[in-house]
Amino acid sequence: MSTTSNNPVFPRWFLLGAAGLMISTMVFAFVARQTDAGALRVSRAPDAAQVMIRFDEQPDGSVLVRRLPDDTVLDVLPRDGSTFLRGVLRSLHRERAMKRVDRNAPFLLARRPDARHAIVDPVTGSRIELDGFGPSHSAAMARLMDLGLATARSAISAGQANN
């Protein structure tokens, strides 16, 4: 003859306590999220230099990197699509497509005082810190930034010489 026990595996007080703990955790998380309680805000140093750039896709598959507002060509990205900058560009365009905003709007290439670089999408608010991807990629962005700043200085100098 078999005997069955009416004793549950977990006592009722244990299950009620676990449910209360889960509910209180969710309530605390909701309140913290709504009030920013305990949020750590790290201030970023302001950008030391900025260059507004636009990427123009060409019929042959290459991409022209232009400095705005004068459309000076800074660089030509080859059509093979294997460069780091093209990967970053695909990521930014994917973000714009998800938010359904203008794909051809310009981007902002920024350099902070500590020589760290970022590419900013003013339309979506996305910011990609480029130095975390390694020194060779950082050097490529630094070169592009230097080209943008040098052409801006030469345009200003030429404008002052004409006056």
N, C-alpha and C. Protein backbone atom coordinates (compact mmCIF):
# COMPACT_ATOMS: atom_id res chain seq x y z
N MET A 1 0.83 -1.16 0.00
CA MET A 1 0.00 0.00 0.00
C MET A 1 0.89 1.24 0.00
N SER A 2 0.53 2.16 -0.83
CA SER A 2 1.36 3.36 -0.89
C SER A 2 0.67 4.49 -0.17
N THR A 3 1.48 5.29 0.43
CA THR A 3 0.95 6.44 1.15
C THR A 3 1.36 7.70 0.41
N THR A 4 0.46 8.60 0.26
CA THR A 4 0.77 9.88 -0.37
C THR A 4 0.78 10.95 0.70
N SER A 5 1.71 11.83 0.52
CA SER A 5 1.86 12.90 1.50
C SER A 5 1.18 14.15 0.99
N ASN A 6 0.52 14.86 1.86
CA ASN A 6 -0.10 16.13 1.51
C ASN A 6 0.84 17.30 1.74
N ASN A 7 2.05 17.01 2.16
CA ASN A 7 3.03 18.08 2.39
C ASN A 7 3.60 18.54 1.05
N PRO A 8 3.48 19.82 0.72
CA PRO A 8 4.05 20.31 -0.54
C PRO A 8 5.57 20.31 -0.47
N VAL A 9 6.20 20.36 -1.65
CA VAL A 9 7.65 20.38 -1.73
C VAL A 9 8.20 21.65 -1.09
N PHE A 10 7.55 22.79 -1.38
CA PHE A 10 7.96 24.05 -0.77
C PHE A 10 6.85 24.52 0.16
N PRO A 11 7.22 24.99 1.33
CA PRO A 11 6.19 25.52 2.22
C PRO A 11 5.56 26.78 1.63
N ARG A 12 4.36 27.04 1.99
CA ARG A 12 3.61 28.18 1.48
C ARG A 12 4.31 29.49 1.81
N TRP A 13 4.86 29.64 3.00
CA TRP A 13 5.55 30.87 3.39
C TRP A 13 6.76 31.13 2.51
N PHE A 14 7.44 30.07 2.04
CA PHE A 14 8.60 30.23 1.17
C PHE A 14 8.17 30.77 -0.20
N LEU A 15 7.11 30.23 -0.76
CA LEU A 15 6.63 30.69 -2.06
C LEU A 15 6.13 32.13 -1.99
N LEU A 16 5.41 32.49 -0.91
CA LEU A 16 4.95 33.86 -0.76
C LEU A 16 6.13 34.83 -0.60
N GLY A 17 7.14 34.41 0.13
CA GLY A 17 8.33 35.25 0.32
C GLY A 17 9.07 35.46 -1.00
N ALA A 18 9.21 34.41 -1.81
CA ALA A 18 9.88 34.52 -3.11
C ALA A 18 9.09 35.44 -4.04
N ALA A 19 7.77 35.30 -4.04
CA ALA A 19 6.93 36.17 -4.88
C ALA A 19 7.05 37.62 -4.42
N GLY A 20 7.04 37.85 -3.12
CA GLY A 20 7.20 39.21 -2.60
C GLY A 20 8.54 39.81 -2.96
N LEU A 21 9.59 39.00 -2.91
CA LEU A 21 10.93 39.47 -3.29
C LEU A 21 10.98 39.85 -4.76
N MET A 22 10.39 39.05 -5.63
CA MET A 22 10.38 39.35 -7.07
C MET A 22 9.59 40.62 -7.36
N ILE A 23 8.45 40.77 -6.74
CA ILE A 23 7.62 41.96 -6.97
C ILE A 23 8.33 43.22 -6.46
N SER A 24 8.91 43.14 -5.26
CA SER A 24 9.61 44.32 -4.73
C SER A 24 10.83 44.67 -5.59
N THR A 25 11.52 43.68 -6.13
CA THR A 25 12.67 43.95 -7.00
C THR A 25 12.21 44.67 -8.27
N MET A 26 11.11 44.22 -8.85
CA MET A 26 10.60 44.88 -10.05
C MET A 26 10.13 46.30 -9.75
N VAL A 27 9.51 46.52 -8.62
CA VAL A 27 9.06 47.87 -8.24
C VAL A 27 10.27 48.79 -8.05
N PHE A 28 11.30 48.32 -7.34
CA PHE A 28 12.50 49.14 -7.13
C PHE A 28 13.20 49.45 -8.45
N ALA A 29 13.27 48.46 -9.34
CA ALA A 29 13.90 48.69 -10.64
C ALA A 29 13.12 49.72 -11.46
N PHE A 30 11.79 49.64 -11.43
CA PHE A 30 10.96 50.59 -12.16
C PHE A 30 11.14 52.01 -11.61
N VAL A 31 11.13 52.14 -10.30
CA VAL A 31 11.29 53.46 -9.67
C VAL A 31 12.68 54.03 -9.99
N ALA A 32 13.71 53.20 -9.92
CA ALA A 32 15.06 53.67 -10.22
C ALA A 32 15.18 54.10 -11.67
N ARG A 33 14.54 53.37 -12.58
CA ARG A 33 14.60 53.72 -14.00
C ARG A 33 13.87 55.02 -14.28
N GLN A 34 12.76 55.25 -13.61
CA GLN A 34 11.97 56.45 -13.84
C GLN A 34 12.58 57.69 -13.22
N THR A 35 13.30 57.53 -12.11
CA THR A 35 13.84 58.69 -11.40
C THR A 35 15.34 58.87 -11.60
N ASP A 36 16.00 57.96 -12.31
CA ASP A 36 17.46 57.99 -12.49
C ASP A 36 18.20 57.87 -11.16
N ALA A 37 17.58 57.27 -10.18
CA ALA A 37 18.23 57.09 -8.88
C ALA A 37 19.40 56.13 -9.04
N GLY A 38 20.54 56.53 -8.55
CA GLY A 38 21.73 55.69 -8.62
C GLY A 38 22.44 55.71 -9.95
N ALA A 39 21.99 56.52 -10.90
CA ALA A 39 22.63 56.58 -12.21
C ALA A 39 23.96 57.31 -12.11
N LEU A 40 24.94 56.76 -12.75
CA LEU A 40 26.27 57.37 -12.77
C LEU A 40 26.43 58.09 -14.10
N ARG A 41 26.61 59.36 -14.06
CA ARG A 41 26.78 60.17 -15.27
C ARG A 41 28.25 60.57 -15.39
N VAL A 42 28.85 60.16 -16.49
CA VAL A 42 30.24 60.50 -16.74
C VAL A 42 30.25 61.60 -17.80
N SER A 43 30.86 62.70 -17.45
CA SER A 43 30.91 63.80 -18.42
C SER A 43 32.05 63.57 -19.40
N ARG A 44 31.78 63.84 -20.65
CA ARG A 44 32.77 63.67 -21.70
C ARG A 44 33.39 65.03 -21.98
N ALA A 45 34.67 65.04 -22.24
CA ALA A 45 35.34 66.30 -22.57
C ALA A 45 34.75 66.85 -23.87
N PRO A 46 34.61 68.15 -23.98
CA PRO A 46 34.06 68.72 -25.21
C PRO A 46 35.02 68.47 -26.38
N ASP A 47 34.46 68.45 -27.56
CA ASP A 47 35.27 68.22 -28.76
C ASP A 47 36.20 69.39 -28.99
N ALA A 48 37.47 69.08 -29.30
CA ALA A 48 38.45 70.12 -29.58
C ALA A 48 38.35 70.57 -31.04
N ALA A 49 37.99 69.65 -31.92
CA ALA A 49 37.85 69.98 -33.34
C ALA A 49 36.75 69.11 -33.93
N GLN A 50 36.07 69.67 -34.93
CA GLN A 50 35.00 68.94 -35.60
C GLN A 50 35.06 69.21 -37.09
N VAL A 51 34.76 68.18 -37.86
CA VAL A 51 34.68 68.31 -39.31
C VAL A 51 33.38 67.66 -39.74
N MET A 52 32.56 68.41 -40.48
CA MET A 52 31.31 67.88 -41.02
C MET A 52 31.64 67.17 -42.32
N ILE A 53 31.24 65.89 -42.42
CA ILE A 53 31.55 65.11 -43.62
C ILE A 53 30.29 64.45 -44.16
N ARG A 54 30.35 64.16 -45.45
CA ARG A 54 29.26 63.45 -46.10
C ARG A 54 29.88 62.34 -46.95
N PHE A 55 29.18 61.23 -47.04
CA PHE A 55 29.64 60.09 -47.83
C PHE A 55 28.77 60.00 -49.08
N ASP A 56 29.40 60.10 -50.26
CA ASP A 56 28.67 60.03 -51.53
C ASP A 56 29.03 58.72 -52.24
N GLU A 57 28.05 57.85 -52.40
CA GLU A 57 28.28 56.60 -53.12
C GLU A 57 28.33 56.88 -54.61
N GLN A 58 29.31 56.29 -55.28
CA GLN A 58 29.51 56.48 -56.70
C GLN A 58 28.96 55.27 -57.47
N PRO A 59 28.67 55.43 -58.76
CA PRO A 59 28.14 54.31 -59.55
C PRO A 59 29.07 53.10 -59.60
N ASP A 60 30.38 53.32 -59.49
CA ASP A 60 31.32 52.19 -59.55
C ASP A 60 31.47 51.48 -58.21
N GLY A 61 30.75 51.92 -57.18
CA GLY A 61 30.80 51.26 -55.88
C GLY A 61 31.73 51.94 -54.89
N SER A 62 32.55 52.86 -55.33
CA SER A 62 33.42 53.59 -54.41
C SER A 62 32.61 54.65 -53.67
N VAL A 63 33.18 55.17 -52.61
CA VAL A 63 32.50 56.19 -51.81
C VAL A 63 33.44 57.39 -51.65
N LEU A 64 32.93 58.56 -52.00
CA LEU A 64 33.70 59.79 -51.81
C LEU A 64 33.39 60.35 -50.42
N VAL A 65 34.43 60.70 -49.68
CA VAL A 65 34.26 61.34 -48.39
C VAL A 65 34.47 62.83 -48.63
N ARG A 66 33.42 63.62 -48.41
CA ARG A 66 33.48 65.05 -48.68
C ARG A 66 33.35 65.85 -47.39
N ARG A 67 34.12 66.93 -47.33
CA ARG A 67 34.02 67.86 -46.20
C ARG A 67 33.02 68.94 -46.58
N LEU A 68 32.14 69.21 -45.65
CA LEU A 68 31.14 70.24 -45.88
C LEU A 68 31.58 71.53 -45.20
N PRO A 69 31.18 72.66 -45.62
CA PRO A 69 30.13 72.98 -46.58
C PRO A 69 30.62 73.11 -48.02
N ASP A 70 31.92 73.02 -48.27
CA ASP A 70 32.43 73.29 -49.62
C ASP A 70 32.59 72.05 -50.50
N ASP A 71 32.21 70.87 -50.01
CA ASP A 71 32.26 69.61 -50.77
C ASP A 71 33.66 69.23 -51.24
N THR A 72 34.68 69.59 -50.49
CA THR A 72 36.03 69.18 -50.80
C THR A 72 36.16 67.67 -50.59
N VAL A 73 36.71 66.95 -51.58
CA VAL A 73 36.89 65.50 -51.45
C VAL A 73 38.10 65.24 -50.58
N LEU A 74 37.87 64.55 -49.46
CA LEU A 74 38.96 64.22 -48.54
C LEU A 74 39.57 62.87 -48.84
N ASP A 75 38.74 61.92 -49.24
CA ASP A 75 39.23 60.56 -49.46
C ASP A 75 38.26 59.82 -50.36
N VAL A 76 38.75 58.76 -50.97
CA VAL A 76 37.91 57.87 -51.77
C VAL A 76 38.03 56.48 -51.17
N LEU A 77 36.92 55.91 -50.76
CA LEU A 77 36.91 54.56 -50.21
C LEU A 77 36.73 53.58 -51.35
N PRO A 78 37.58 52.57 -51.45
CA PRO A 78 37.47 51.63 -52.57
C PRO A 78 36.17 50.85 -52.54
N ARG A 79 35.82 50.28 -53.67
CA ARG A 79 34.54 49.60 -53.79
C ARG A 79 34.53 48.21 -53.18
N ASP A 80 35.66 47.68 -52.76
CA ASP A 80 35.69 46.31 -52.24
C ASP A 80 34.96 46.18 -50.91
N GLY A 81 34.72 47.29 -50.20
CA GLY A 81 33.91 47.27 -48.98
C GLY A 81 34.59 46.69 -47.77
N SER A 82 35.91 46.56 -47.79
CA SER A 82 36.58 45.92 -46.67
C SER A 82 37.23 46.89 -45.70
N THR A 83 37.05 48.18 -45.89
CA THR A 83 37.70 49.13 -45.00
C THR A 83 36.87 49.32 -43.73
N PHE A 84 37.56 49.71 -42.68
CA PHE A 84 36.91 49.94 -41.39
C PHE A 84 35.87 51.05 -41.49
N LEU A 85 36.20 52.11 -42.21
CA LEU A 85 35.28 53.24 -42.33
C LEU A 85 33.99 52.83 -43.03
N ARG A 86 34.08 51.95 -44.01
CA ARG A 86 32.86 51.47 -44.67
C ARG A 86 32.00 50.67 -43.71
N GLY A 87 32.63 49.91 -42.82
CA GLY A 87 31.88 49.16 -41.81
C GLY A 87 31.15 50.09 -40.86
N VAL A 88 31.83 51.15 -40.42
CA VAL A 88 31.20 52.15 -39.55
C VAL A 88 30.06 52.83 -40.29
N LEU A 89 30.29 53.14 -41.55
CA LEU A 89 29.26 53.78 -42.36
C LEU A 89 28.03 52.89 -42.51
N ARG A 90 28.23 51.60 -42.74
CA ARG A 90 27.09 50.68 -42.84
C ARG A 90 26.30 50.66 -41.53
N SER A 91 27.00 50.69 -40.41
CA SER A 91 26.34 50.69 -39.11
C SER A 91 25.50 51.96 -38.93
N LEU A 92 26.05 53.10 -39.29
CA LEU A 92 25.32 54.37 -39.16
C LEU A 92 24.12 54.42 -40.11
N HIS A 93 24.30 53.91 -41.32
CA HIS A 93 23.18 53.90 -42.28
C HIS A 93 22.09 52.94 -41.82
N ARG A 94 22.46 51.83 -41.19
CA ARG A 94 21.46 50.90 -40.67
C ARG A 94 20.64 51.58 -39.56
N GLU A 95 21.31 52.36 -38.71
CA GLU A 95 20.62 53.09 -37.64
C GLU A 95 19.65 54.10 -38.24
N ARG A 96 20.07 54.79 -39.30
CA ARG A 96 19.19 55.76 -39.95
C ARG A 96 18.00 55.07 -40.61
N ALA A 97 18.24 53.91 -41.21
CA ALA A 97 17.14 53.18 -41.85
C ALA A 97 16.12 52.72 -40.81
N MET A 98 16.58 52.28 -39.63
CA MET A 98 15.65 51.85 -38.59
C MET A 98 14.80 53.01 -38.09
N LYS A 99 15.39 54.21 -38.03
CA LYS A 99 14.66 55.38 -37.55
C LYS A 99 13.96 56.14 -38.68
N ARG A 100 14.16 55.66 -39.91
CA ARG A 100 13.52 56.24 -41.09
C ARG A 100 13.81 57.73 -41.25
N VAL A 101 15.11 58.06 -41.23
CA VAL A 101 15.53 59.45 -41.42
C VAL A 101 16.40 59.53 -42.68
N ASP A 102 16.75 60.75 -43.06
CA ASP A 102 17.50 61.01 -44.29
C ASP A 102 18.86 60.30 -44.27
N ARG A 103 19.08 59.44 -45.25
CA ARG A 103 20.32 58.67 -45.33
C ARG A 103 21.50 59.54 -45.78
N ASN A 104 21.24 60.61 -46.51
CA ASN A 104 22.31 61.43 -47.07
C ASN A 104 22.69 62.63 -46.21
N ALA A 105 22.15 62.75 -45.03
CA ALA A 105 22.52 63.86 -44.15
C ALA A 105 23.98 63.71 -43.73
N PRO A 106 24.66 64.82 -43.45
CA PRO A 106 26.08 64.74 -43.10
C PRO A 106 26.31 64.17 -41.69
N PHE A 107 27.54 63.71 -41.48
CA PHE A 107 28.00 63.22 -40.19
C PHE A 107 29.03 64.19 -39.64
N LEU A 108 29.34 64.04 -38.39
CA LEU A 108 30.32 64.90 -37.73
C LEU A 108 31.47 64.04 -37.25
N LEU A 109 32.68 64.35 -37.71
CA LEU A 109 33.88 63.67 -37.23
C LEU A 109 34.47 64.57 -36.15
N ALA A 110 34.64 64.02 -34.95
CA ALA A 110 35.04 64.84 -33.80
C ALA A 110 36.33 64.33 -33.19
N ARG A 111 37.14 65.27 -32.72
CA ARG A 111 38.37 64.95 -31.99
C ARG A 111 38.32 65.66 -30.64
N ARG A 112 38.56 64.89 -29.59
CA ARG A 112 38.59 65.49 -28.24
C ARG A 112 40.00 65.92 -27.90
N PRO A 113 40.19 66.70 -26.84
CA PRO A 113 41.52 67.20 -26.49
C PRO A 113 42.54 66.08 -26.24
N ASP A 114 42.08 64.90 -25.84
CA ASP A 114 43.02 63.80 -25.59
C ASP A 114 43.31 63.00 -26.87
N ALA A 115 43.01 63.57 -28.03
CA ALA A 115 43.26 63.00 -29.36
C ALA A 115 42.46 61.73 -29.61
N ARG A 116 41.33 61.59 -28.97
CA ARG A 116 40.43 60.47 -29.24
C ARG A 116 39.39 60.94 -30.25
N HIS A 117 38.99 60.01 -31.11
CA HIS A 117 38.10 60.36 -32.22
C HIS A 117 36.76 59.66 -32.10
N ALA A 118 35.76 60.31 -32.67
CA ALA A 118 34.41 59.75 -32.70
C ALA A 118 33.73 60.23 -33.97
N ILE A 119 32.79 59.44 -34.44
CA ILE A 119 31.93 59.88 -35.54
C ILE A 119 30.52 59.98 -34.97
N VAL A 120 29.91 61.12 -35.19
CA VAL A 120 28.61 61.45 -34.60
C VAL A 120 27.58 61.61 -35.71
N ASP A 121 26.42 61.03 -35.49
CA ASP A 121 25.31 61.22 -36.42
C ASP A 121 24.35 62.22 -35.77
N PRO A 122 24.37 63.48 -36.22
CA PRO A 122 23.49 64.49 -35.61
C PRO A 122 22.00 64.19 -35.80
N VAL A 123 21.66 63.41 -36.80
CA VAL A 123 20.25 63.11 -37.09
C VAL A 123 19.69 62.12 -36.07
N THR A 124 20.43 61.04 -35.78
CA THR A 124 19.93 60.01 -34.86
C THR A 124 20.48 60.16 -33.45
N GLY A 125 21.55 60.95 -33.29
CA GLY A 125 22.16 61.09 -31.97
C GLY A 125 23.17 60.00 -31.66
N SER A 126 23.45 59.13 -32.60
CA SER A 126 24.43 58.05 -32.39
C SER A 126 25.84 58.62 -32.35
N ARG A 127 26.67 58.04 -31.51
CA ARG A 127 28.07 58.44 -31.41
C ARG A 127 28.90 57.18 -31.29
N ILE A 128 29.83 56.99 -32.22
CA ILE A 128 30.70 55.81 -32.20
C ILE A 128 32.10 56.28 -31.85
N GLU A 129 32.58 55.84 -30.69
CA GLU A 129 33.94 56.16 -30.27
C GLU A 129 34.88 55.23 -31.04
N LEU A 130 35.75 55.80 -31.85
CA LEU A 130 36.53 55.03 -32.80
C LEU A 130 37.82 54.47 -32.24
N ASP A 131 38.33 55.00 -31.16
CA ASP A 131 39.62 54.56 -30.63
C ASP A 131 39.55 53.18 -29.98
N GLY A 132 38.37 52.72 -29.66
CA GLY A 132 38.24 51.41 -29.07
C GLY A 132 38.43 50.28 -30.06
N PHE A 133 38.56 50.59 -31.34
CA PHE A 133 38.69 49.56 -32.36
C PHE A 133 40.15 49.28 -32.73
N GLY A 134 41.09 49.90 -32.03
CA GLY A 134 42.50 49.62 -32.27
C GLY A 134 43.24 50.79 -32.88
N PRO A 135 44.57 50.77 -32.76
CA PRO A 135 45.38 51.92 -33.21
C PRO A 135 45.38 52.13 -34.72
N SER A 136 45.29 51.07 -35.52
CA SER A 136 45.32 51.28 -36.97
C SER A 136 44.03 51.97 -37.43
N HIS A 137 42.89 51.60 -36.85
CA HIS A 137 41.64 52.26 -37.21
C HIS A 137 41.60 53.69 -36.69
N SER A 138 42.15 53.89 -35.52
CA SER A 138 42.21 55.23 -34.97
C SER A 138 43.09 56.13 -35.84
N ALA A 139 44.19 55.57 -36.34
CA ALA A 139 45.09 56.34 -37.21
C ALA A 139 44.40 56.72 -38.51
N ALA A 140 43.56 55.83 -39.04
CA ALA A 140 42.83 56.13 -40.27
C ALA A 140 41.86 57.29 -40.04
N MET A 141 41.20 57.31 -38.89
CA MET A 141 40.28 58.40 -38.58
C MET A 141 41.05 59.70 -38.32
N ALA A 142 42.19 59.59 -37.66
CA ALA A 142 43.01 60.77 -37.40
C ALA A 142 43.48 61.39 -38.73
N ARG A 143 43.84 60.53 -39.70
CA ARG A 143 44.26 61.02 -41.01
C ARG A 143 43.11 61.74 -41.70
N LEU A 144 41.94 61.16 -41.66
CA LEU A 144 40.77 61.79 -42.27
C LEU A 144 40.45 63.12 -41.59
N MET A 145 40.56 63.15 -40.26
CA MET A 145 40.31 64.38 -39.51
C MET A 145 41.35 65.44 -39.88
N ASP A 146 42.62 65.03 -39.96
CA ASP A 146 43.68 65.98 -40.32
C ASP A 146 43.48 66.54 -41.73
N LEU A 147 43.06 65.69 -42.66
CA LEU A 147 42.77 66.16 -44.02
C LEU A 147 41.64 67.19 -44.00
N GLY A 148 40.61 66.92 -43.23
CA GLY A 148 39.48 67.84 -43.14
C GLY A 148 39.88 69.18 -42.54
N LEU A 149 40.68 69.12 -41.48
CA LEU A 149 41.11 70.37 -40.84
C LEU A 149 42.09 71.13 -41.72
N ALA A 150 42.99 70.42 -42.43
CA ALA A 150 43.96 71.10 -43.29
C ALA A 150 43.28 71.78 -44.46
N THR A 151 42.29 71.13 -45.07
CA THR A 151 41.60 71.76 -46.19
C THR A 151 40.76 72.94 -45.72
N ALA A 152 40.26 72.87 -44.49
CA ALA A 152 39.50 74.00 -43.94
C ALA A 152 40.43 75.19 -43.71
N ARG A 153 41.63 74.93 -43.17
CA ARG A 153 42.59 76.01 -42.93
C ARG A 153 43.03 76.64 -44.25
N SER A 154 43.29 75.79 -45.27
CA SER A 154 43.74 76.34 -46.54
C SER A 154 42.63 77.15 -47.21
N ALA A 155 41.38 76.74 -47.02
CA ALA A 155 40.26 77.53 -47.59
C ALA A 155 40.13 78.86 -46.88
N ILE A 156 40.33 78.87 -45.57
CA ILE A 156 40.26 80.13 -44.81
C ILE A 156 41.41 81.04 -45.22
N SER A 157 42.61 80.46 -45.34
CA SER A 157 43.77 81.27 -45.75
C SER A 157 43.57 81.85 -47.14
N ALA A 158 43.03 81.07 -48.06
CA ALA A 158 42.80 81.57 -49.42
C ALA A 158 41.74 82.67 -49.41
N GLY A 159 40.73 82.51 -48.58
CA GLY A 159 39.69 83.54 -48.46
C GLY A 159 40.22 84.82 -47.90
N GLN A 160 41.15 84.74 -46.91
CA GLN A 160 41.73 85.94 -46.33
C GLN A 160 42.68 86.61 -47.30
N ALA A 161 43.36 85.83 -48.14
CA ALA A 161 44.29 86.39 -49.11
C ALA A 161 43.54 87.16 -50.20
N ASN A 162 42.33 86.71 -50.51
CA ASN A 162 41.54 87.39 -51.54
C ASN A 162 40.94 88.69 -51.05
N ASN A 163 40.86 88.88 -49.76
CA ASN A 163 40.24 90.11 -49.22
C ASN A 163 41.19 91.25 -49.16
